[in-house]
C-alpha atoms as a PDB file:
ATOM      1  CA  UNK A   1     -21.407  -8.461   8.373  1.00  0.00           C
ATOM      2  CA  UNK A   2     -20.010  -5.944  10.808  1.00  0.00           C
ATOM      3  CA  UNK A   3     -17.791  -3.266   9.319  1.00  0.00           C
ATOM      4  CA  UNK A   4     -15.070  -1.540  11.260  1.00  0.00           C
ATOM      5  CA  UNK A   5     -13.623   1.675   9.973  1.00  0.00           C
ATOM      6  CA  UNK A   6     -10.395   3.058  11.330  1.00  0.00           C
ATOM      7  CA  UNK A   7      -8.862   6.399  10.553  1.00  0.00           C
ATOM      8  CA  UNK A   8      -5.122   6.889  10.725  1.00  0.00           C
ATOM      9  CA  UNK A   9      -3.080  10.077  10.668  1.00  0.00           C
ATOM     10  CA  UNK A  10      -1.002   9.592   7.529  1.00  0.00           C
ATOM     11  CA  UNK A  11       0.172  13.204   7.269  1.00  0.00           C
ATOM     12  CA  UNK A  12       3.746  12.203   8.104  1.00  0.00           C
ATOM     13  CA  UNK A  13       3.769   8.977   6.094  1.00  0.00           C
ATOM     14  CA  UNK A  14       6.724   8.386   3.802  1.00  0.00           C
ATOM     15  CA  UNK A  15       5.209   6.998   0.610  1.00  0.00           C
ATOM     16  CA  UNK A  16       7.177   4.724  -1.714  1.00  0.00           C
ATOM     17  CA  UNK A  17       6.152   3.997  -5.301  1.00  0.00           C
ATOM     18  CA  UNK A  18       6.140   0.402  -6.436  1.00  0.00           C
ATOM     19  CA  UNK A  19       9.129  -0.615  -8.544  1.00  0.00           C
ATOM     20  CA  UNK A  20       6.573  -2.075 -10.965  1.00  0.00           C
ATOM     21  CA  UNK A  21       4.919   1.282 -11.636  1.00  0.00           C
ATOM     22  CA  UNK A  22       5.435   2.216 -15.248  1.00  0.00           C
ATOM     23  CA  UNK A  23       7.114   5.439 -16.389  1.00  0.00           C
ATOM     24  CA  UNK A  24       4.096   6.665 -18.365  1.00  0.00           C
ATOM     25  CA  UNK A  25       2.059   7.279 -15.219  1.00  0.00           C
ATOM     26  CA  UNK A  26      -0.079   4.151 -15.274  1.00  0.00           C
ATOM     27  CA  UNK A  27      -0.185   1.297 -12.770  1.00  0.00           C
ATOM     28  CA  UNK A  28       1.143   3.477  -9.943  1.00  0.00           C
ATOM     29  CA  UNK A  29       0.861   2.051  -6.463  1.00  0.00           C
ATOM     30  CA  UNK A  30       2.383   3.600  -3.366  1.00  0.00           C
ATOM     31  CA  UNK A  31       2.741   2.120   0.092  1.00  0.00           C
ATOM     32  CA  UNK A  32       4.016   3.708   3.280  1.00  0.00           C
ATOM     33  CA  UNK A  33       5.739   2.503   6.401  1.00  0.00           C
ATOM     34  CA  UNK A  34       4.110   3.502   9.654  1.00  0.00           C
ATOM     35  CA  UNK A  35       4.847   2.798  13.319  1.00  0.00           C
ATOM     36  CA  UNK A  36       1.244   1.661  13.851  1.00  0.00           C
ATOM     37  CA  UNK A  37       1.562  -1.860  12.429  1.00  0.00           C
ATOM     38  CA  UNK A  38      -0.520  -1.032   9.379  1.00  0.00           C
ATOM     39  CA  UNK A  39       0.544  -0.532   5.769  1.00  0.00           C
ATOM     40  CA  UNK A  40      -1.413   2.160   3.908  1.00  0.00           C
ATOM     41  CA  UNK A  41      -1.637   1.752   0.120  1.00  0.00           C
ATOM     42  CA  UNK A  42      -2.860   4.324  -2.408  1.00  0.00           C
ATOM     43  CA  UNK A  43      -2.947   5.226  -6.091  1.00  0.00           C
ATOM     44  CA  UNK A  44      -0.031   7.618  -6.645  1.00  0.00           C
ATOM     45  CA  UNK A  45      -1.996   9.521  -9.279  1.00  0.00           C
ATOM     46  CA  UNK A  46      -4.572  10.472  -6.617  1.00  0.00           C
ATOM     47  CA  UNK A  47      -2.549  11.175  -3.426  1.00  0.00           C
ATOM     48  CA  UNK A  48      -5.513  12.786  -1.670  1.00  0.00           C
ATOM     49  CA  UNK A  49      -7.806   9.925  -2.688  1.00  0.00           C
ATOM     50  CA  UNK A  50      -8.796   6.804  -0.806  1.00  0.00           C
ATOM     51  CA  UNK A  51      -6.255   4.708   1.075  1.00  0.00           C
ATOM     52  CA  UNK A  52      -6.497   0.996   1.774  1.00  0.00           C
ATOM     53  CA  UNK A  53      -4.844  -0.246   4.962  1.00  0.00           C
ATOM     54  CA  UNK A  54      -3.545  -3.706   5.719  1.00  0.00           C
ATOM     55  CA  UNK A  55      -1.974  -5.272   8.786  1.00  0.00           C
ATOM     56  CA  UNK A  56       1.799  -5.295   8.197  1.00  0.00           C
ATOM     57  CA  UNK A  57       1.950  -9.104   8.395  1.00  0.00           C
ATOM     58  CA  UNK A  58      -0.828  -9.480   5.817  1.00  0.00           C
ATOM     59  CA  UNK A  59       0.951  -7.058   3.473  1.00  0.00           C
ATOM     60  CA  UNK A  60       4.243  -8.960   3.893  1.00  0.00           C
ATOM     61  CA  UNK A  61       2.544 -12.255   2.981  1.00  0.00           C
ATOM     62  CA  UNK A  62       0.930 -10.621  -0.074  1.00  0.00           C
ATOM     63  CA  UNK A  63       4.258  -9.192  -1.273  1.00  0.00           C
ATOM     64  CA  UNK A  64       5.915 -12.571  -0.712  1.00  0.00           C
ATOM     65  CA  UNK A  65       3.279 -14.251  -2.880  1.00  0.00           C
ATOM     66  CA  UNK A  66       3.675 -11.658  -5.633  1.00  0.00           C
ATOM     67  CA  UNK A  67       7.452 -12.162  -5.655  1.00  0.00           C
ATOM     68  CA  UNK A  68       7.027 -15.940  -5.697  1.00  0.00           C
ATOM     69  CA  UNK A  69       4.688 -15.713  -8.701  1.00  0.00           C
ATOM     70  CA  UNK A  70       7.231 -13.602 -10.599  1.00  0.00           C
ATOM     71  CA  UNK A  71       9.951 -16.209 -10.201  1.00  0.00           C
ATOM     72  CA  UNK A  72       7.712 -19.175 -11.004  1.00  0.00           C
END
């Protein structure tokens, strides 16, 4: 399987914590909006740690599925 690795400049990214993150510091996920068409996602407890990136459309479908599961 061929792996492609992209690096993005996220220094100016505006990170937003998930509304489902708990107040005690656990389960903290942050995502950012970027003009590049990708959505970076990270663990808010480790801001300098690894970042996963998803195409914006893929992320939107994922979030839609999560919301649908919550209302089911």
